[in-house]
Amino acid sequence: MNDKNNKFGRLSALPKDMAGNTPFLEFTANRSVLIDGCQGILEYQDSIVRINTKKLIVVINGRGLHIKCMTAHSLTICGYISGVEFLR
């Protein structure tokens, strides 16, 4: 195994509590965010969306926020995102 692959192997070995219990967020600039690991919507307005995940509450602040796509465990929020908070 070359050195590059070995480094990747060490970096990809996340601690157990980080891999499965925390939400995964993927941003497209400040215009959309995919949140994987959702367990429910706590608040939904055009300026704030609060999402319950297993360990955290994810708060998306902005304007013109709307849910573009939602599945059983993920959702995509679009609009102008001005801030993100993580609450316990």
PDB file of N, CA and C in Angstrom:
ATOM      1  N   MET A   1       0.847  -1.175   0.000  1.00  0.00           N
ATOM      2  CA  MET A   1       0.000   0.000   0.000  1.00  0.00           C
ATOM      3  C   MET A   1       0.890   1.235   0.000  1.00  0.00           C
ATOM      4  N   ASN A   2       0.581   2.182  -0.874  1.00  0.00           N
ATOM      5  CA  ASN A   2       1.421   3.373  -0.899  1.00  0.00           C
ATOM      6  C   ASN A   2       1.042   4.319   0.238  1.00  0.00           C
ATOM      7  N   ASP A   3       1.867   5.323   0.457  1.00  0.00           N
ATOM      8  CA  ASP A   3       1.706   6.237   1.585  1.00  0.00           C
ATOM      9  C   ASP A   3       0.399   7.018   1.503  1.00  0.00           C
ATOM     10  N   LYS A   4      -0.006   7.404   0.296  1.00  0.00           N
ATOM     11  CA  LYS A   4      -1.235   8.171   0.123  1.00  0.00           C
ATOM     12  C   LYS A   4      -2.448   7.364   0.586  1.00  0.00           C
ATOM     13  N   ASN A   5      -2.558   6.109   0.191  1.00  0.00           N
ATOM     14  CA  ASN A   5      -3.682   5.275   0.601  1.00  0.00           C
ATOM     15  C   ASN A   5      -3.667   5.016   2.104  1.00  0.00           C
ATOM     16  N   ASN A   6      -2.496   4.861   2.675  1.00  0.00           N
ATOM     17  CA  ASN A   6      -2.387   4.623   4.101  1.00  0.00           C
ATOM     18  C   ASN A   6      -2.893   5.825   4.895  1.00  0.00           C
ATOM     19  N   LYS A   7      -2.566   7.041   4.479  1.00  0.00           N
ATOM     20  CA  LYS A   7      -3.045   8.248   5.151  1.00  0.00           C
ATOM     21  C   LYS A   7      -4.557   8.338   5.064  1.00  0.00           C
ATOM     22  N   PHE A   8      -5.129   8.011   3.912  1.00  0.00           N
ATOM     23  CA  PHE A   8      -6.582   8.056   3.766  1.00  0.00           C
ATOM     24  C   PHE A   8      -7.242   7.066   4.716  1.00  0.00           C
ATOM     25  N   GLY A   9      -6.682   5.889   4.831  1.00  0.00           N
ATOM     26  CA  GLY A   9      -7.225   4.879   5.729  1.00  0.00           C
ATOM     27  C   GLY A   9      -7.270   5.361   7.171  1.00  0.00           C
ATOM     28  N   ARG A  10      -6.217   6.029   7.593  1.00  0.00           N
ATOM     29  CA  ARG A  10      -6.192   6.548   8.964  1.00  0.00           C
ATOM     30  C   ARG A  10      -7.174   7.693   9.146  1.00  0.00           C
ATOM     31  N   LEU A  11      -7.306   8.569   8.140  1.00  0.00           N
ATOM     32  CA  LEU A  11      -8.222   9.701   8.244  1.00  0.00           C
ATOM     33  C   LEU A  11      -9.681   9.270   8.174  1.00  0.00           C
ATOM     34  N   SER A  12      -9.971   8.214   7.435  1.00  0.00           N
ATOM     35  CA  SER A  12     -11.362   7.803   7.284  1.00  0.00           C
ATOM     36  C   SER A  12     -11.858   6.953   8.449  1.00  0.00           C
ATOM     37  N   ALA A  13     -11.003   6.585   9.359  1.00  0.00           N
ATOM     38  CA  ALA A  13     -11.408   5.788  10.517  1.00  0.00           C
ATOM     39  C   ALA A  13     -11.897   6.730  11.612  1.00  0.00           C
ATOM     40  N   LEU A  14     -13.151   7.186  11.483  1.00  0.00           N
ATOM     41  CA  LEU A  14     -13.723   8.126  12.439  1.00  0.00           C
ATOM     42  C   LEU A  14     -14.111   7.403  13.723  1.00  0.00           C
ATOM     43  N   PRO A  15     -14.065   8.114  14.844  1.00  0.00           N
ATOM     44  CA  PRO A  15     -14.567   7.516  16.079  1.00  0.00           C
ATOM     45  C   PRO A  15     -16.029   7.121  15.918  1.00  0.00           C
ATOM     46  N   LYS A  16     -16.465   6.100  16.619  1.00  0.00           N
ATOM     47  CA  LYS A  16     -17.803   5.559  16.472  1.00  0.00           C
ATOM     48  C   LYS A  16     -18.882   6.603  16.711  1.00  0.00           C
ATOM     49  N   ASP A  17     -18.713   7.469  17.710  1.00  0.00           N
ATOM     50  CA  ASP A  17     -19.747   8.454  17.998  1.00  0.00           C
ATOM     51  C   ASP A  17     -19.818   9.566  16.960  1.00  0.00           C
ATOM     52  N   MET A  18     -18.777   9.743  16.167  1.00  0.00           N
ATOM     53  CA  MET A  18     -18.816  10.764  15.128  1.00  0.00           C
ATOM     54  C   MET A  18     -19.420  10.231  13.839  1.00  0.00           C
ATOM     55  N   ALA A  19     -19.286   8.974  13.570  1.00  0.00           N
ATOM     56  CA  ALA A  19     -19.719   8.427  12.292  1.00  0.00           C
ATOM     57  C   ALA A  19     -21.222   8.259  12.208  1.00  0.00           C
ATOM     58  N   GLY A  20     -21.871   7.702  13.224  1.00  0.00           N
ATOM     59  CA  GLY A  20     -23.268   7.356  13.080  1.00  0.00           C
ATOM     60  C   GLY A  20     -24.247   8.207  13.851  1.00  0.00           C
ATOM     61  N   ASN A  21     -23.803   8.970  14.815  1.00  0.00           N
ATOM     62  CA  ASN A  21     -24.730   9.676  15.688  1.00  0.00           C
ATOM     63  C   ASN A  21     -24.855  11.164  15.423  1.00  0.00           C
ATOM     64  N   THR A  22     -24.023  11.714  14.580  1.00  0.00           N
ATOM     65  CA  THR A  22     -24.087  13.140  14.294  1.00  0.00           C
ATOM     66  C   THR A  22     -24.634  13.355  12.888  1.00  0.00           C
ATOM     67  N   PRO A  23     -25.286  14.488  12.676  1.00  0.00           N
ATOM     68  CA  PRO A  23     -25.833  14.745  11.342  1.00  0.00           C
ATOM     69  C   PRO A  23     -24.727  15.050  10.339  1.00  0.00           C
ATOM     70  N   PHE A  24     -25.029  14.788   9.080  1.00  0.00           N
ATOM     71  CA  PHE A  24     -24.124  15.125   7.977  1.00  0.00           C
ATOM     72  C   PHE A  24     -24.745  16.303   7.246  1.00  0.00           C
ATOM     73  N   LEU A  25     -23.987  17.389   7.086  1.00  0.00           N
ATOM     74  CA  LEU A  25     -24.466  18.571   6.372  1.00  0.00           C
ATOM     75  C   LEU A  25     -23.596  18.792   5.151  1.00  0.00           C
ATOM     76  N   GLU A  26     -24.247  19.058   4.032  1.00  0.00           N
ATOM     77  CA  GLU A  26     -23.533  19.352   2.789  1.00  0.00           C
ATOM     78  C   GLU A  26     -24.105  20.642   2.221  1.00  0.00           C
ATOM     79  N   PHE A  27     -23.246  21.669   2.144  1.00  0.00           N
ATOM     80  CA  PHE A  27     -23.663  22.987   1.672  1.00  0.00           C
ATOM     81  C   PHE A  27     -23.332  23.177   0.201  1.00  0.00           C
ATOM     82  N   THR A  28     -24.187  23.893  -0.477  1.00  0.00           N
ATOM     83  CA  THR A  28     -23.897  24.410  -1.807  1.00  0.00           C
ATOM     84  C   THR A  28     -23.865  25.922  -1.644  1.00  0.00           C
ATOM     85  N   ALA A  29     -22.650  26.434  -1.474  1.00  0.00           N
ATOM     86  CA  ALA A  29     -22.417  27.848  -1.152  1.00  0.00           C
ATOM     87  C   ALA A  29     -23.303  28.219   0.033  1.00  0.00           C
ATOM     88  N   ASN A  30     -23.979  29.363  -0.029  1.00  0.00           N
ATOM     89  CA  ASN A  30     -24.907  29.737   1.041  1.00  0.00           C
ATOM     90  C   ASN A  30     -26.351  29.686   0.542  1.00  0.00           C
ATOM     91  N   ARG A  31     -26.587  28.845  -0.463  1.00  0.00           N
ATOM     92  CA  ARG A  31     -27.910  28.755  -1.090  1.00  0.00           C
ATOM     93  C   ARG A  31     -28.698  27.494  -0.766  1.00  0.00           C
ATOM     94  N   SER A  32     -28.031  26.421  -0.346  1.00  0.00           N
ATOM     95  CA  SER A  32     -28.770  25.223   0.048  1.00  0.00           C
ATOM     96  C   SER A  32     -27.913  24.367   0.973  1.00  0.00           C
ATOM     97  N   VAL A  33     -28.603  23.573   1.762  1.00  0.00           N
ATOM     98  CA  VAL A  33     -27.931  22.641   2.662  1.00  0.00           C
ATOM     99  C   VAL A  33     -28.734  21.345   2.703  1.00  0.00           C
ATOM    100  N   LEU A  34     -28.022  20.242   2.546  1.00  0.00           N
ATOM    101  CA  LEU A  34     -28.589  18.912   2.706  1.00  0.00           C
ATOM    102  C   LEU A  34     -28.242  18.462   4.119  1.00  0.00           C
ATOM    103  N   ILE A  35     -29.241  18.066   4.889  1.00  0.00           N
ATOM    104  CA  ILE A  35     -29.020  17.586   6.247  1.00  0.00           C
ATOM    105  C   ILE A  35     -29.461  16.134   6.291  1.00  0.00           C
ATOM    106  N   ASP A  36     -28.509  15.257   6.534  1.00  0.00           N
ATOM    107  CA  ASP A  36     -28.792  13.832   6.638  1.00  0.00           C
ATOM    108  C   ASP A  36     -28.716  13.435   8.109  1.00  0.00           C
ATOM    109  N   GLY A  37     -29.670  12.688   8.580  1.00  0.00           N
ATOM    110  CA  GLY A  37     -29.732  12.294   9.983  1.00  0.00           C
ATOM    111  C   GLY A  37     -30.844  13.007  10.724  1.00  0.00           C
ATOM    112  N   CYS A  38     -31.832  13.509   9.992  1.00  0.00           N
ATOM    113  CA  CYS A  38     -32.951  14.233  10.597  1.00  0.00           C
ATOM    114  C   CYS A  38     -33.896  13.285  11.321  1.00  0.00           C
ATOM    115  N   GLN A  39     -34.440  13.773  12.416  1.00  0.00           N
ATOM    116  CA  GLN A  39     -35.462  13.024  13.144  1.00  0.00           C
ATOM    117  C   GLN A  39     -36.745  13.815  13.286  1.00  0.00           C
ATOM    118  N   GLY A  40     -36.778  15.024  12.760  1.00  0.00           N
ATOM    119  CA  GLY A  40     -37.997  15.825  12.814  1.00  0.00           C
ATOM    120  C   GLY A  40     -37.714  17.301  12.644  1.00  0.00           C
ATOM    121  N   ILE A  41     -38.745  18.025  12.243  1.00  0.00           N
ATOM    122  CA  ILE A  41     -38.670  19.477  12.092  1.00  0.00           C
ATOM    123  C   ILE A  41     -39.298  20.097  13.325  1.00  0.00           C
ATOM    124  N   LEU A  42     -38.532  20.929  14.023  1.00  0.00           N
ATOM    125  CA  LEU A  42     -39.017  21.574  15.239  1.00  0.00           C
ATOM    126  C   LEU A  42     -39.635  22.934  14.963  1.00  0.00           C
ATOM    127  N   GLU A  43     -39.121  23.647  13.972  1.00  0.00           N
ATOM    128  CA  GLU A  43     -39.623  24.970  13.609  1.00  0.00           C
ATOM    129  C   GLU A  43     -39.351  25.188  12.134  1.00  0.00           C
ATOM    130  N   TYR A  44     -40.334  25.778  11.450  1.00  0.00           N
ATOM    131  CA  TYR A  44     -40.187  26.000  10.007  1.00  0.00           C
ATOM    132  C   TYR A  44     -40.818  27.330   9.636  1.00  0.00           C
ATOM    133  N   GLN A  45     -39.963  28.328   9.382  1.00  0.00           N
ATOM    134  CA  GLN A  45     -40.388  29.643   8.927  1.00  0.00           C
ATOM    135  C   GLN A  45     -39.455  30.060   7.799  1.00  0.00           C
ATOM    136  N   ASP A  46     -39.766  31.157   7.135  1.00  0.00           N
ATOM    137  CA  ASP A  46     -38.912  31.574   6.016  1.00  0.00           C
ATOM    138  C   ASP A  46     -37.586  32.175   6.467  1.00  0.00           C
ATOM    139  N   SER A  47     -37.428  32.410   7.787  1.00  0.00           N
ATOM    140  CA  SER A  47     -36.165  32.968   8.291  1.00  0.00           C
ATOM    141  C   SER A  47     -35.415  32.021   9.226  1.00  0.00           C
ATOM    142  N   ILE A  48     -36.047  30.918   9.633  1.00  0.00           N
ATOM    143  CA  ILE A  48     -35.391  29.968  10.530  1.00  0.00           C
ATOM    144  C   ILE A  48     -35.999  28.575  10.343  1.00  0.00           C
ATOM    145  N   VAL A  49     -35.123  27.575  10.332  1.00  0.00           N
ATOM    146  CA  VAL A  49     -35.558  26.180  10.307  1.00  0.00           C
ATOM    147  C   VAL A  49     -34.754  25.461  11.383  1.00  0.00           C
ATOM    148  N   ARG A  50     -35.472  24.820  12.313  1.00  0.00           N
ATOM    149  CA  ARG A  50     -34.825  24.059  13.393  1.00  0.00           C
ATOM    150  C   ARG A  50     -35.104  22.584  13.171  1.00  0.00           C
ATOM    151  N   ILE A  51     -34.015  21.798  13.084  1.00  0.00           N
ATOM    152  CA  ILE A  51     -34.102  20.371  12.778  1.00  0.00           C
ATOM    153  C   ILE A  51     -33.583  19.568  13.968  1.00  0.00           C
ATOM    154  N   ASN A  52     -34.337  18.555  14.374  1.00  0.00           N
ATOM    155  CA  ASN A  52     -33.898  17.647  15.423  1.00  0.00           C
ATOM    156  C   ASN A  52     -33.099  16.512  14.791  1.00  0.00           C
ATOM    157  N   THR A  53     -31.926  16.239  15.339  1.00  0.00           N
ATOM    158  CA  THR A  53     -31.126  15.080  14.935  1.00  0.00           C
ATOM    159  C   THR A  53     -30.883  14.261  16.192  1.00  0.00           C
ATOM    160  N   LYS A  54     -30.189  13.170  16.081  1.00  0.00           N
ATOM    161  CA  LYS A  54     -30.025  12.276  17.232  1.00  0.00           C
ATOM    162  C   LYS A  54     -29.344  12.951  18.417  1.00  0.00           C
ATOM    163  N   LYS A  55     -28.305  13.735  18.167  1.00  0.00           N
ATOM    164  CA  LYS A  55     -27.563  14.350  19.268  1.00  0.00           C
ATOM    165  C   LYS A  55     -27.658  15.866  19.304  1.00  0.00           C
ATOM    166  N   LEU A  56     -28.038  16.493  18.210  1.00  0.00           N
ATOM    167  CA  LEU A  56     -28.014  17.948  18.112  1.00  0.00           C
ATOM    168  C   LEU A  56     -29.318  18.490  17.554  1.00  0.00           C
ATOM    169  N   ILE A  57     -29.532  19.776  17.798  1.00  0.00           N
ATOM    170  CA  ILE A  57     -30.548  20.523  17.072  1.00  0.00           C
ATOM    171  C   ILE A  57     -29.778  21.436  16.127  1.00  0.00           C
ATOM    172  N   VAL A  58     -30.075  21.326  14.840  1.00  0.00           N
ATOM    173  CA  VAL A  58     -29.414  22.145  13.830  1.00  0.00           C
ATOM    174  C   VAL A  58     -30.359  23.289  13.492  1.00  0.00           C
ATOM    175  N   VAL A  59     -29.861  24.524  13.632  1.00  0.00           N
ATOM    176  CA  VAL A  59     -30.662  25.715  13.364  1.00  0.00           C
ATOM    177  C   VAL A  59     -30.083  26.408  12.132  1.00  0.00           C
ATOM    178  N   ILE A  60     -30.903  26.547  11.099  1.00  0.00           N
ATOM    179  CA  ILE A  60     -30.511  27.258   9.880  1.00  0.00           C
ATOM    180  C   ILE A  60     -31.206  28.609   9.896  1.00  0.00           C
ATOM    181  N   ASN A  61     -30.427  29.695   9.815  1.00  0.00           N
ATOM    182  CA  ASN A  61     -30.963  31.047   9.772  1.00  0.00           C
ATOM    183  C   ASN A  61     -30.753  31.614   8.380  1.00  0.00           C
ATOM    184  N   GLY A  62     -31.658  32.477   7.955  1.00  0.00           N
ATOM    185  CA  GLY A  62     -31.513  33.119   6.653  1.00  0.00           C
ATOM    186  C   GLY A  62     -32.776  33.821   6.240  1.00  0.00           C
ATOM    187  N   ARG A  63     -32.998  33.905   4.924  1.00  0.00           N
ATOM    188  CA  ARG A  63     -34.234  34.502   4.416  1.00  0.00           C
ATOM    189  C   ARG A  63     -34.686  33.724   3.183  1.00  0.00           C
ATOM    190  N   GLY A  64     -35.968  33.657   3.004  1.00  0.00           N
ATOM    191  CA  GLY A  64     -36.525  32.898   1.895  1.00  0.00           C
ATOM    192  C   GLY A  64     -36.256  31.407   2.005  1.00  0.00           C
ATOM    193  N   LEU A  65     -36.122  30.914   3.230  1.00  0.00           N
ATOM    194  CA  LEU A  65     -35.817  29.495   3.427  1.00  0.00           C
ATOM    195  C   LEU A  65     -37.041  28.642   3.147  1.00  0.00           C
ATOM    196  N   HIS A  66     -36.829  27.537   2.475  1.00  0.00           N
ATOM    197  CA  HIS A  66     -37.904  26.583   2.206  1.00  0.00           C
ATOM    198  C   HIS A  66     -37.315  25.188   2.048  1.00  0.00           C
ATOM    199  N   ILE A  67     -38.135  24.196   2.345  1.00  0.00           N
ATOM    200  CA  ILE A  67     -37.702  22.812   2.210  1.00  0.00           C
ATOM    201  C   ILE A  67     -37.964  22.389   0.772  1.00  0.00           C
ATOM    202  N   LYS A  68     -36.898  22.046   0.084  1.00  0.00           N
ATOM    203  CA  LYS A  68     -36.996  21.662  -1.322  1.00  0.00           C
ATOM    204  C   LYS A  68     -37.296  20.174  -1.466  1.00  0.00           C
ATOM    205  N   CYS A  69     -36.677  19.350  -0.619  1.00  0.00           N
ATOM    206  CA  CYS A  69     -36.820  17.904  -0.720  1.00  0.00           C
ATOM    207  C   CYS A  69     -36.736  17.318   0.683  1.00  0.00           C
ATOM    208  N   MET A  70     -37.579  16.299   0.963  1.00  0.00           N
ATOM    209  CA  MET A  70     -37.550  15.692   2.275  1.00  0.00           C
ATOM    210  C   MET A  70     -37.796  14.195   2.143  1.00  0.00           C
ATOM    211  N   THR A  71     -36.970  13.402   2.849  1.00  0.00           N
ATOM    212  CA  THR A  71     -37.161  11.961   2.933  1.00  0.00           C
ATOM    213  C   THR A  71     -37.315  11.601   4.417  1.00  0.00           C
ATOM    214  N   ALA A  72     -37.338  10.327   4.722  1.00  0.00           N
ATOM    215  CA  ALA A  72     -37.516   9.891   6.113  1.00  0.00           C
ATOM    216  C   ALA A  72     -36.385  10.354   7.029  1.00  0.00           C
ATOM    217  N   HIS A  73     -35.161  10.503   6.487  1.00  0.00           N
ATOM    218  CA  HIS A  73     -34.020  10.838   7.344  1.00  0.00           C
ATOM    219  C   HIS A  73     -33.175  11.996   6.838  1.00  0.00           C
ATOM    220  N   SER A  74     -33.625  12.691   5.800  1.00  0.00           N
ATOM    221  CA  SER A  74     -32.842  13.819   5.300  1.00  0.00           C
ATOM    222  C   SER A  74     -33.763  14.875   4.704  1.00  0.00           C
ATOM    223  N   LEU A  75     -33.215  16.072   4.582  1.00  0.00           N
ATOM    224  CA  LEU A  75     -33.956  17.134   3.903  1.00  0.00           C
ATOM    225  C   LEU A  75     -32.989  18.145   3.324  1.00  0.00           C
ATOM    226  N   THR A  76     -33.470  18.853   2.320  1.00  0.00           N
ATOM    227  CA  THR A  76     -32.689  19.909   1.685  1.00  0.00           C
ATOM    228  C   THR A  76     -33.418  21.226   1.894  1.00  0.00           C
ATOM    229  N   ILE A  77     -32.707  22.201   2.455  1.00  0.00           N
ATOM    230  CA  ILE A  77     -33.241  23.530   2.688  1.00  0.00           C
ATOM    231  C   ILE A  77     -32.579  24.470   1.702  1.00  0.00           C
ATOM    232  N   CYS A  78     -33.388  25.249   1.003  1.00  0.00           N
ATOM    233  CA  CYS A  78     -32.874  26.227   0.037  1.00  0.00           C
ATOM    234  C   CYS A  78     -33.286  27.630   0.469  1.00  0.00           C
ATOM    235  N   GLY A  79     -32.588  28.614  -0.060  1.00  0.00           N
ATOM    236  CA  GLY A  79     -32.818  30.018   0.245  1.00  0.00           C
ATOM    237  C   GLY A  79     -31.471  30.678   0.465  1.00  0.00           C
ATOM    238  N   TYR A  80     -31.490  31.835   1.107  1.00  0.00           N
ATOM    239  CA  TYR A  80     -30.255  32.536   1.436  1.00  0.00           C
ATOM    240  C   TYR A  80     -29.893  32.182   2.875  1.00  0.00           C
ATOM    241  N   ILE A  81     -28.853  31.375   3.065  1.00  0.00           N
ATOM    242  CA  ILE A  81     -28.439  30.912   4.390  1.00  0.00           C
ATOM    243  C   ILE A  81     -27.417  31.894   4.965  1.00  0.00           C
ATOM    244  N   SER A  82     -27.749  32.480   6.114  1.00  0.00           N
ATOM    245  CA  SER A  82     -26.844  33.453   6.726  1.00  0.00           C
ATOM    246  C   SER A  82     -26.148  32.911   7.972  1.00  0.00           C
ATOM    247  N   GLY A  83     -26.646  31.799   8.511  1.00  0.00           N
ATOM    248  CA  GLY A  83     -26.004  31.247   9.697  1.00  0.00           C
ATOM    249  C   GLY A  83     -26.486  29.841  10.012  1.00  0.00           C
ATOM    250  N   VAL A  84     -25.639  29.123  10.745  1.00  0.00           N
ATOM    251  CA  VAL A  84     -25.954  27.768  11.184  1.00  0.00           C
ATOM    252  C   VAL A  84     -25.539  27.646  12.641  1.00  0.00           C
ATOM    253  N   GLU A  85     -26.404  27.076  13.467  1.00  0.00           N
ATOM    254  CA  GLU A  85     -26.101  26.852  14.874  1.00  0.00           C
ATOM    255  C   GLU A  85     -26.297  25.375  15.182  1.00  0.00           C
ATOM    256  N   PHE A  86     -25.512  24.892  16.132  1.00  0.00           N
ATOM    257  CA  PHE A  86     -25.628  23.525  16.613  1.00  0.00           C
ATOM    258  C   PHE A  86     -25.884  23.579  18.106  1.00  0.00           C
ATOM    259  N   LEU A  87     -27.048  23.131  18.535  1.00  0.00           N
ATOM    260  CA  LEU A  87     -27.428  23.172  19.940  1.00  0.00           C
ATOM    261  C   LEU A  87     -27.531  21.766  20.490  1.00  0.00           C
ATOM    262  N   ARG A  88     -27.233  21.589  21.755  1.00  0.00           N
ATOM    263  CA  ARG A  88     -27.363  20.276  22.406  1.00  0.00           C
ATOM    264  C   ARG A  88     -28.666  20.173  23.118  1.00  0.00           C
TER     265      ARG A  88
END
